[in-house]
C-alpha atoms as a PDB file:
ATOM      1  CA  MET A   1     117.379 122.882  84.953  1.00  0.00           C
ATOM      2  CA  LYS A   2     120.837 123.185  86.376  1.00  0.00           C
ATOM      3  CA  ILE A   3     121.043 119.401  86.869  1.00  0.00           C
ATOM      4  CA  ILE A   4     120.028 118.839  83.195  1.00  0.00           C
ATOM      5  CA  LYS A   5     122.519 121.276  81.972  1.00  0.00           C
ATOM      6  CA  LEU A   6     125.174 119.647  84.130  1.00  0.00           C
ATOM      7  CA  TRP A   7     124.186 116.236  82.879  1.00  0.00           C
ATOM      8  CA  ASN A   8     124.205 117.237  79.328  1.00  0.00           C
ATOM      9  CA  ARG A   9     127.786 118.997  79.915  1.00  0.00           C
ATOM     10  CA  LEU A  10     129.036 115.673  81.425  1.00  0.00           C
ATOM     11  CA  TRP A  11     127.852 113.488  78.672  1.00  0.00           C
ATOM     12  CA  PHE A  12     126.517 115.259  75.558  1.00  0.00           C
ATOM     13  CA  GLN A  13     129.032 117.880  74.337  1.00  0.00           C
ATOM     14  CA  ASP A  14     130.022 118.042  70.816  1.00  0.00           C
ATOM     15  CA  GLY A  15     132.542 115.252  70.171  1.00  0.00           C
ATOM     16  CA  ASP A  16     135.045 114.442  67.529  1.00  0.00           C
ATOM     17  CA  PRO A  17     134.395 111.530  65.149  1.00  0.00           C
ATOM     18  CA  TYR A  18     138.171 111.449  64.355  1.00  0.00           C
ATOM     19  CA  ALA A  19     139.057 110.902  68.150  1.00  0.00           C
ATOM     20  CA  LEU A  20     136.371 108.173  68.448  1.00  0.00           C
ATOM     21  CA  GLY A  21     137.538 106.551  65.302  1.00  0.00           C
ATOM     22  CA  VAL A  22     141.124 106.300  66.555  1.00  0.00           C
ATOM     23  CA  TYR A  23     140.099 104.899  69.919  1.00  0.00           C
ATOM     24  CA  ARG A  24     137.829 102.243  68.000  1.00  0.00           C
ATOM     25  CA  SER A  25     140.788 101.117  65.970  1.00  0.00           C
ATOM     26  CA  ILE A  26     142.997 100.792  69.082  1.00  0.00           C
ATOM     27  CA  VAL A  27     140.647  98.897  71.285  1.00  0.00           C
ATOM     28  CA  PHE A  28     139.360  96.404  68.574  1.00  0.00           C
ATOM     29  CA  LEU A  29     142.826  95.708  67.308  1.00  0.00           C
ATOM     30  CA  SER A  30     144.028  95.040  70.930  1.00  0.00           C
ATOM     31  CA  TYR A  31     141.229  92.615  71.430  1.00  0.00           C
ATOM     32  CA  VAL A  32     142.490  90.811  68.293  1.00  0.00           C
ATOM     33  CA  VAL A  33     146.038  90.591  69.601  1.00  0.00           C
ATOM     34  CA  LEU A  34     144.656  89.586  73.087  1.00  0.00           C
ATOM     35  CA  ALA A  35     142.379  86.896  71.798  1.00  0.00           C
ATOM     36  CA  ILE A  36     144.968  85.289  69.388  1.00  0.00           C
ATOM     37  CA  SER A  37     147.696  85.396  72.065  1.00  0.00           C
ATOM     38  CA  GLN A  38     145.365  83.871  74.681  1.00  0.00           C
ATOM     39  CA  GLN A  39     143.406  81.420  72.540  1.00  0.00           C
ATOM     40  CA  SER A  40     144.655  78.335  74.446  1.00  0.00           C
ATOM     41  CA  LEU A  41     143.729  79.857  77.928  1.00  0.00           C
ATOM     42  CA  MET A  42     140.323  80.713  76.596  1.00  0.00           C
ATOM     43  CA  ALA A  43     139.513  77.366  75.076  1.00  0.00           C
ATOM     44  CA  SER A  44     141.704  74.370  75.809  1.00  0.00           C
ATOM     45  CA  GLU A  45     142.397  74.962  79.521  1.00  0.00           C
ATOM     46  CA  VAL A  46     138.887  75.469  80.552  1.00  0.00           C
ATOM     47  CA  ILE A  47     137.572  72.213  79.078  1.00  0.00           C
ATOM     48  CA  CYS A  48     139.113  70.341  82.021  1.00  0.00           C
ATOM     49  CA  ARG A  49     137.563  72.334  84.853  1.00  0.00           C
ATOM     50  CA  LYS A  50     134.256  72.317  86.510  1.00  0.00           C
ATOM     51  CA  PHE A  51     131.554  74.338  84.613  1.00  0.00           C
ATOM     52  CA  SER A  52     129.927  76.809  87.149  1.00  0.00           C
ATOM     53  CA  PRO A  53     127.985  79.180  84.862  1.00  0.00           C
ATOM     54  CA  ILE A  54     127.379  82.793  85.982  1.00  0.00           C
ATOM     55  CA  SER A  55     125.405  85.705  84.538  1.00  0.00           C
ATOM     56  CA  PHE A  56     123.903  84.962  81.144  1.00  0.00           C
ATOM     57  CA  TYR A  57     125.912  81.968  80.782  1.00  0.00           C
ATOM     58  CA  ASP A  58     123.386  80.318  83.087  1.00  0.00           C
ATOM     59  CA  LEU A  59     121.359  79.742  80.104  1.00  0.00           C
ATOM     60  CA  LEU A  60     123.832  77.023  79.121  1.00  0.00           C
ATOM     61  CA  SER A  61     123.176  73.798  80.795  1.00  0.00           C
ATOM     62  CA  ILE A  62     126.426  72.317  79.724  1.00  0.00           C
ATOM     63  CA  PRO A  63     129.588  73.894  78.408  1.00  0.00           C
ATOM     64  CA  CYS A  64     129.497  74.804  74.721  1.00  0.00           C
ATOM     65  CA  SER A  65     131.431  72.509  72.529  1.00  0.00           C
ATOM     66  CA  GLN A  66     134.959  73.171  71.289  1.00  0.00           C
ATOM     67  CA  SER A  67     133.780  73.617  67.750  1.00  0.00           C
ATOM     68  CA  LEU A  68     131.172  76.098  68.727  1.00  0.00           C
ATOM     69  CA  PHE A  69     133.601  78.100  70.839  1.00  0.00           C
ATOM     70  CA  HIS A  70     136.069  78.114  68.043  1.00  0.00           C
ATOM     71  CA  MET A  71     133.236  79.396  65.726  1.00  0.00           C
ATOM     72  CA  VAL A  72     132.330  82.281  68.081  1.00  0.00           C
ATOM     73  CA  PHE A  73     135.993  83.056  68.679  1.00  0.00           C
ATOM     74  CA  GLY A  74     136.727  83.135  64.894  1.00  0.00           C
ATOM     75  CA  CYS A  75     133.761  85.486  64.409  1.00  0.00           C
ATOM     76  CA  SER A  76     134.825  87.731  67.162  1.00  0.00           C
ATOM     77  CA  VAL A  77     138.304  88.091  65.645  1.00  0.00           C
ATOM     78  CA  ILE A  78     137.191  88.525  62.013  1.00  0.00           C
ATOM     79  CA  ALA A  79     134.435  90.970  63.035  1.00  0.00           C
ATOM     80  CA  SER A  80     136.910  92.901  65.317  1.00  0.00           C
ATOM     81  CA  VAL A  81     139.394  93.451  62.465  1.00  0.00           C
ATOM     82  CA  LEU A  82     136.647  94.643  60.209  1.00  0.00           C
ATOM     83  CA  ALA A  83     135.298  96.915  62.937  1.00  0.00           C
ATOM     84  CA  ALA A  84     138.784  98.362  63.559  1.00  0.00           C
ATOM     85  CA  VAL A  85     139.036  99.528  59.982  1.00  0.00           C
ATOM     86  CA  GLY A  86     135.438 100.667  59.975  1.00  0.00           C
ATOM     87  CA  VAL A  87     133.928  98.174  57.455  1.00  0.00           C
ATOM     88  CA  ALA A  88     130.212  98.114  57.814  1.00  0.00           C
ATOM     89  CA  TYR A  89     130.686  99.115  61.352  1.00  0.00           C
ATOM     90  CA  ARG A  90     126.963  99.425  62.116  1.00  0.00           C
ATOM     91  CA  PHE A  91     127.009  95.570  61.930  1.00  0.00           C
ATOM     92  CA  THR A  92     130.534  94.460  62.470  1.00  0.00           C
ATOM     93  CA  GLY A  93     130.845  96.639  65.550  1.00  0.00           C
ATOM     94  CA  LYS A  94     128.063  94.915  67.339  1.00  0.00           C
ATOM     95  CA  ILE A  95     128.898  91.500  66.189  1.00  0.00           C
ATOM     96  CA  ALA A  96     132.525  91.898  67.388  1.00  0.00           C
ATOM     97  CA  ALA A  97     131.578  93.481  70.761  1.00  0.00           C
ATOM     98  CA  PHE A  98     128.967  90.848  71.767  1.00  0.00           C
ATOM     99  CA  SER A  99     131.041  87.768  70.480  1.00  0.00           C
ATOM    100  CA  ALA A 100     134.111  89.229  72.013  1.00  0.00           C
ATOM    101  CA  VAL A 101     132.320  89.577  75.456  1.00  0.00           C
ATOM    102  CA  PHE A 102     131.089  85.973  75.142  1.00  0.00           C
ATOM    103  CA  VAL A 103     134.655  84.760  74.305  1.00  0.00           C
ATOM    104  CA  LEU A 104     136.359  86.837  77.169  1.00  0.00           C
ATOM    105  CA  GLY A 105     133.608  85.978  79.730  1.00  0.00           C
ATOM    106  CA  TYR A 106     133.371  82.262  79.027  1.00  0.00           C
ATOM    107  CA  GLN A 107     136.513  81.405  81.059  1.00  0.00           C
ATOM    108  CA  TYR A 108     134.902  82.970  84.092  1.00  0.00           C
ATOM    109  CA  ASN A 109     132.530  80.117  84.289  1.00  0.00           C
ATOM    110  CA  PHE A 110     135.221  77.701  85.409  1.00  0.00           C
ATOM    111  CA  SER A 111     136.063  78.992  88.758  1.00  0.00           C
ATOM    112  CA  GLU A 112     138.738  81.216  87.460  1.00  0.00           C
ATOM    113  CA  VAL A 113     139.031  85.082  87.453  1.00  0.00           C
ATOM    114  CA  TYR A 114     141.007  86.755  84.822  1.00  0.00           C
ATOM    115  CA  HIS A 115     141.161  90.452  86.014  1.00  0.00           C
ATOM    116  CA  GLY A 116     143.091  91.475  83.080  1.00  0.00           C
ATOM    117  CA  THR A 117     140.203  91.180  80.484  1.00  0.00           C
ATOM    118  CA  HIS A 118     137.298  92.909  82.435  1.00  0.00           C
ATOM    119  CA  MET A 119     138.100  96.405  81.286  1.00  0.00           C
ATOM    120  CA  ILE A 120     138.394  95.738  77.595  1.00  0.00           C
ATOM    121  CA  ALA A 121     135.093  93.556  77.497  1.00  0.00           C
ATOM    122  CA  MET A 122     133.147  96.532  78.769  1.00  0.00           C
ATOM    123  CA  ILE A 123     134.900  99.064  76.475  1.00  0.00           C
ATOM    124  CA  LEU A 124     134.201  96.854  73.519  1.00  0.00           C
ATOM    125  CA  LEU A 125     130.459  96.991  74.458  1.00  0.00           C
ATOM    126  CA  ILE A 126     130.482 100.644  74.740  1.00  0.00           C
ATOM    127  CA  LEU A 127     132.093 101.161  71.354  1.00  0.00           C
ATOM    128  CA  GLY A 128     130.068  98.431  69.734  1.00  0.00           C
ATOM    129  CA  ILE A 129     126.839 100.266  70.414  1.00  0.00           C
ATOM    130  CA  SER A 130     128.169 103.750  69.487  1.00  0.00           C
ATOM    131  CA  LYS A 131     128.853 105.533  66.185  1.00  0.00           C
ATOM    132  CA  ALA A 132     132.450 104.799  66.433  1.00  0.00           C
ATOM    133  CA  GLY A 133     132.554 103.975  62.737  1.00  0.00           C
ATOM    134  CA  ASP A 134     132.007 107.465  61.399  1.00  0.00           C
ATOM    135  CA  ALA A 135     135.821 108.118  60.921  1.00  0.00           C
ATOM    136  CA  PHE A 136     138.627 105.940  59.290  1.00  0.00           C
ATOM    137  CA  THR A 137     135.943 103.975  57.302  1.00  0.00           C
ATOM    138  CA  PRO A 138     135.592 103.134  53.680  1.00  0.00           C
ATOM    139  CA  ASN A 139     131.750 103.534  54.161  1.00  0.00           C
ATOM    140  CA  LYS A 140     129.754 106.536  53.324  1.00  0.00           C
ATOM    141  CA  VAL A 141     128.909 108.511  56.651  1.00  0.00           C
ATOM    142  CA  HIS A 142     125.920 110.586  57.122  1.00  0.00           C
ATOM    143  CA  SER A 143     127.339 114.169  57.864  1.00  0.00           C
ATOM    144  CA  GLU A 144     124.058 115.298  59.669  1.00  0.00           C
ATOM    145  CA  THR A 145     124.972 113.007  62.780  1.00  0.00           C
ATOM    146  CA  GLU A 146     124.722 115.084  65.922  1.00  0.00           C
ATOM    147  CA  LEU A 147     128.187 115.511  67.448  1.00  0.00           C
ATOM    148  CA  TRP A 148     127.222 114.455  70.953  1.00  0.00           C
ATOM    149  CA  HIS A 149     127.190 110.791  69.548  1.00  0.00           C
ATOM    150  CA  TYR A 150     130.955 111.087  69.501  1.00  0.00           C
ATOM    151  CA  TYR A 151     131.354 112.350  72.883  1.00  0.00           C
ATOM    152  CA  TRP A 152     129.499 110.120  75.272  1.00  0.00           C
ATOM    153  CA  PRO A 153     131.430 106.870  74.320  1.00  0.00           C
ATOM    154  CA  LEU A 154     134.596 108.360  75.160  1.00  0.00           C
ATOM    155  CA  GLN A 155     133.454 109.924  78.220  1.00  0.00           C
ATOM    156  CA  LEU A 156     131.841 106.826  79.542  1.00  0.00           C
ATOM    157  CA  SER A 157     135.048 104.825  78.724  1.00  0.00           C
ATOM    158  CA  LYS A 158     137.032 107.360  80.732  1.00  0.00           C
ATOM    159  CA  TYR A 159     134.881 106.935  83.728  1.00  0.00           C
ATOM    160  CA  TYR A 160     134.876 103.171  83.425  1.00  0.00           C
ATOM    161  CA  VAL A 161     138.753 103.025  83.257  1.00  0.00           C
ATOM    162  CA  VAL A 162     138.940 105.171  86.361  1.00  0.00           C
ATOM    163  CA  TYR A 163     136.338 103.070  88.032  1.00  0.00           C
ATOM    164  CA  VAL A 164     138.377  99.843  87.506  1.00  0.00           C
ATOM    165  CA  TYR A 165     141.544 101.260  89.010  1.00  0.00           C
ATOM    166  CA  LEU A 166     139.663 103.001  91.916  1.00  0.00           C
ATOM    167  CA  ILE A 167     137.627  99.997  92.973  1.00  0.00           C
ATOM    168  CA  VAL A 168     140.715  97.784  93.012  1.00  0.00           C
ATOM    169  CA  GLY A 169     142.455 100.204  95.341  1.00  0.00           C
ATOM    170  CA  LEU A 170     139.396 100.523  97.463  1.00  0.00           C
ATOM    171  CA  GLU A 171     139.044  96.802  97.585  1.00  0.00           C
ATOM    172  CA  LYS A 172     142.677  96.415  98.906  1.00  0.00           C
ATOM    173  CA  LEU A 173     141.846  99.050 101.722  1.00  0.00           C
ATOM    174  CA  TYR A 174     138.650  97.297 102.632  1.00  0.00           C
ATOM    175  CA  GLN A 175     140.241  93.984 102.932  1.00  0.00           C
ATOM    176  CA  SER A 176     143.497  94.922 104.557  1.00  0.00           C
ATOM    177  CA  GLY A 177     143.653  98.759 105.304  1.00  0.00           C
ATOM    178  CA  TRP A 178     146.918 100.499 104.796  1.00  0.00           C
ATOM    179  CA  GLU A 179     148.685  97.517 105.967  1.00  0.00           C
ATOM    180  CA  TRP A 180     148.394  96.337 102.424  1.00  0.00           C
ATOM    181  CA  ALA A 181     151.277  98.737 101.634  1.00  0.00           C
ATOM    182  CA  PHE A 182     153.021  99.018 105.000  1.00  0.00           C
ATOM    183  CA  SER A 183     153.632  95.474 105.819  1.00  0.00           C
ATOM    184  CA  GLU A 184     155.383  92.493 104.162  1.00  0.00           C
ATOM    185  CA  ASN A 185     152.231  91.766 102.137  1.00  0.00           C
ATOM    186  CA  LEU A 186     153.684  92.679  98.745  1.00  0.00           C
ATOM    187  CA  TRP A 187     156.973  90.899  99.429  1.00  0.00           C
ATOM    188  CA  LEU A 188     155.098  87.713 100.418  1.00  0.00           C
ATOM    189  CA  ILE A 189     152.820  88.051  97.122  1.00  0.00           C
ATOM    190  CA  VAL A 190     155.982  87.906  95.052  1.00  0.00           C
ATOM    191  CA  PHE A 191     157.663  85.388  97.165  1.00  0.00           C
ATOM    192  CA  THR A 192     154.863  82.890  97.045  1.00  0.00           C
ATOM    193  CA  SER A 193     153.739  83.470  93.474  1.00  0.00           C
ATOM    194  CA  PRO A 194     154.093  80.520  91.253  1.00  0.00           C
ATOM    195  CA  PHE A 195     155.298  82.747  88.493  1.00  0.00           C
ATOM    196  CA  HIS A 196     158.387  84.856  88.371  1.00  0.00           C
ATOM    197  CA  GLY A 197     159.562  87.731  86.189  1.00  0.00           C
ATOM    198  CA  ALA A 198     162.914  89.037  85.246  1.00  0.00           C
ATOM    199  CA  TRP A 199     162.988  91.246  88.242  1.00  0.00           C
ATOM    200  CA  SER A 200     161.452  88.948  90.881  1.00  0.00           C
ATOM    201  CA  GLY A 201     164.934  88.348  92.558  1.00  0.00           C
ATOM    202  CA  TRP A 202     165.972  91.846  92.481  1.00  0.00           C
ATOM    203  CA  PHE A 203     162.573  92.799  94.070  1.00  0.00           C
ATOM    204  CA  LEU A 204     162.911  90.289  96.701  1.00  0.00           C
ATOM    205  CA  GLY A 205     166.405  91.569  97.692  1.00  0.00           C
ATOM    206  CA  LEU A 206     165.174  95.137  98.303  1.00  0.00           C
ATOM    207  CA  SER A 207     164.981  96.658 101.899  1.00  0.00           C
ATOM    208  CA  MET A 208     161.577  96.549 103.296  1.00  0.00           C
ATOM    209  CA  PRO A 209     161.131 100.535 103.311  1.00  0.00           C
ATOM    210  CA  VAL A 210     161.546 100.454  99.543  1.00  0.00           C
ATOM    211  CA  ILE A 211     159.098  97.769  99.109  1.00  0.00           C
ATOM    212  CA  TYR A 212     156.678  99.820 101.453  1.00  0.00           C
ATOM    213  CA  PHE A 213     157.166 102.699  98.953  1.00  0.00           C
ATOM    214  CA  ILE A 214     156.671 100.668  95.948  1.00  0.00           C
ATOM    215  CA  ALA A 215     153.376  99.192  97.361  1.00  0.00           C
ATOM    216  CA  PHE A 216     152.077 102.569  98.643  1.00  0.00           C
ATOM    217  CA  TYR A 217     152.883 104.124  95.235  1.00  0.00           C
ATOM    218  CA  SER A 218     150.974 101.415  93.349  1.00  0.00           C
ATOM    219  CA  LEU A 219     148.090 101.589  95.752  1.00  0.00           C
ATOM    220  CA  PHE A 220     147.804 105.269  96.301  1.00  0.00           C
ATOM    221  CA  VAL A 221     148.939 106.887  93.119  1.00  0.00           C
ATOM    222  CA  CYS A 222     148.157 104.317  90.457  1.00  0.00           C
ATOM    223  CA  GLU A 223     144.687 103.238  91.906  1.00  0.00           C
ATOM    224  CA  LEU A 224     143.220 105.607  94.722  1.00  0.00           C
ATOM    225  CA  MET A 225     144.351 108.728  92.606  1.00  0.00           C
ATOM    226  CA  ALA A 226     142.755 107.489  89.386  1.00  0.00           C
ATOM    227  CA  PRO A 227     139.898 109.969  89.459  1.00  0.00           C
ATOM    228  CA  LEU A 228     142.471 112.768  88.769  1.00  0.00           C
ATOM    229  CA  ALA A 229     142.600 111.498  85.322  1.00  0.00           C
ATOM    230  CA  LEU A 230     139.109 112.905  84.839  1.00  0.00           C
ATOM    231  CA  LEU A 231     139.923 116.565  85.782  1.00  0.00           C
ATOM    232  CA  LYS A 232     142.251 117.895  83.051  1.00  0.00           C
ATOM    233  CA  ASN A 233     144.061 116.513  80.114  1.00  0.00           C
ATOM    234  CA  GLY A 234     147.496 116.876  81.810  1.00  0.00           C
ATOM    235  CA  PHE A 235     146.328 114.607  84.673  1.00  0.00           C
ATOM    236  CA  GLY A 236     145.044 112.135  82.167  1.00  0.00           C
ATOM    237  CA  TYR A 237     148.430 111.903  80.511  1.00  0.00           C
ATOM    238  CA  PHE A 238     150.122 111.489  83.850  1.00  0.00           C
ATOM    239  CA  MET A 239     147.769 108.747  85.037  1.00  0.00           C
ATOM    240  CA  PHE A 240     148.228 106.875  81.628  1.00  0.00           C
ATOM    241  CA  PHE A 241     151.852 106.629  82.034  1.00  0.00           C
ATOM    242  CA  ASN A 242     151.603 105.785  85.794  1.00  0.00           C
ATOM    243  CA  TRP A 243     149.399 102.736  84.700  1.00  0.00           C
ATOM    244  CA  LEU A 244     151.660 101.848  81.912  1.00  0.00           C
ATOM    245  CA  GLY A 245     154.651 101.738  84.253  1.00  0.00           C
ATOM    246  CA  PHE A 246     152.603  99.868  86.882  1.00  0.00           C
ATOM    247  CA  HIS A 247     151.689  97.067  84.491  1.00  0.00           C
ATOM    248  CA  ILE A 248     155.297  96.762  83.078  1.00  0.00           C
ATOM    249  CA  GLY A 249     156.464  96.507  86.570  1.00  0.00           C
ATOM    250  CA  VAL A 250     154.014  93.838  87.661  1.00  0.00           C
ATOM    251  CA  SER A 251     154.967  91.732  84.588  1.00  0.00           C
ATOM    252  CA  LEU A 252     158.690  92.112  85.224  1.00  0.00           C
ATOM    253  CA  ILE A 253     158.287  91.307  88.873  1.00  0.00           C
ATOM    254  CA  LEU A 254     155.500  88.808  89.119  1.00  0.00           C
ATOM    255  CA  GLY A 255     155.830  87.419  85.508  1.00  0.00           C
ATOM    256  CA  GLY A 256     153.038  86.895  83.004  1.00  0.00           C
ATOM    257  CA  HIS A 257     149.958  89.323  83.503  1.00  0.00           C
ATOM    258  CA  TRP A 258     150.144  89.899  79.665  1.00  0.00           C
ATOM    259  CA  THR A 259     146.238  90.332  79.479  1.00  0.00           C
ATOM    260  CA  PHE A 260     146.593  93.408  81.675  1.00  0.00           C
ATOM    261  CA  TYR A 261     148.198  95.208  78.761  1.00  0.00           C
ATOM    262  CA  SER A 262     144.748  95.352  77.090  1.00  0.00           C
ATOM    263  CA  GLN A 263     143.834  97.871  79.713  1.00  0.00           C
ATOM    264  CA  MET A 264     146.395 100.244  78.267  1.00  0.00           C
ATOM    265  CA  ALA A 265     144.455 100.229  75.028  1.00  0.00           C
ATOM    266  CA  CYS A 266     141.402 101.137  76.934  1.00  0.00           C
ATOM    267  CA  ALA A 267     143.258 103.805  79.087  1.00  0.00           C
ATOM    268  CA  ALA A 268     144.512 105.328  75.539  1.00  0.00           C
ATOM    269  CA  VAL A 269     141.300 107.303  75.754  1.00  0.00           C
ATOM    270  CA  PHE A 270     143.194 109.772  78.010  1.00  0.00           C
ATOM    271  CA  LEU A 271     145.603 110.353  75.196  1.00  0.00           C
ATOM    272  CA  LEU A 272     143.221 111.296  72.591  1.00  0.00           C
ATOM    273  CA  PRO A 273     143.479 115.138  73.023  1.00  0.00           C
ATOM    274  CA  LEU A 274     146.984 114.670  71.631  1.00  0.00           C
ATOM    275  CA  ILE A 275     145.781 113.114  68.352  1.00  0.00           C
ATOM    276  CA  GLN A 276     142.397 114.436  67.629  1.00  0.00           C
ATOM    277  CA  SER A 277     141.457 116.561  64.634  1.00  0.00           C
ATOM    278  CA  PRO A 278     142.306 120.342  64.900  1.00  0.00           C
ATOM    279  CA  ARG A 279     138.566 121.475  64.882  1.00  0.00           C
ATOM    280  CA  ASN A 280     137.847 119.891  68.207  1.00  0.00           C
ATOM    281  CA  ARG A 281     141.024 120.643  70.290  1.00  0.00           C
ATOM    282  CA  GLN A 282     138.662 121.580  73.289  1.00  0.00           C
ATOM    283  CA  PHE A 283     137.700 117.896  73.873  1.00  0.00           C
END
């Protein structure tokens, strides 16, 4: 019985449709911005590469045509806009989520890995199958919906965001150990990168102890300490702004990496206690 109570407490507390609605709008609109800004990356560039299907894309014997991809792409964008504002969310949410996952994942079938889109793809699926359309919507909402329906999507999103950052840190430790931070590794990554940001030259001119500190902070605080965000709201706020600073720093030093900003839309779930409706301040 204690295990059941603990399980229910973890996933099925009373939630706030207002908080879930805000998060829905943030994530779906972020996908729209990401998709439109990266359209050439998702379509044109992959046509010239070898098609090596993975996962459910294995059902495709050949790459989908450019016209079909554009149709799915357009469907995902339009449905995401409608889902963001809550129009017929029961349908638009699912259409947006599944078509967006197809669009985001399609590029992985050409021997490329775009780490920046993994997180938002999963969060879109979580929101797409949830009752995230019961706030900020022109539709009539059934008030008898049990409040736990508004809690588990946010809780699962939190755990997934933390999982992504944590597993990246653990993978670095598994591959290189603490030498990843306390060696010339980070300096070499920036030096050999084909892309350069506004701060690349400044970074390469830093003393090695300073670079060690930056590498250690990004690995230990931003990644390995990610589970702290699950403990209390204050830790969640702290980790959100750590992650934001981390991604800004990466884009300024390495250049590009714009897709990773979609992860901040997902991590905004930790800011929801600041903006939720007054009747559910305990969430």
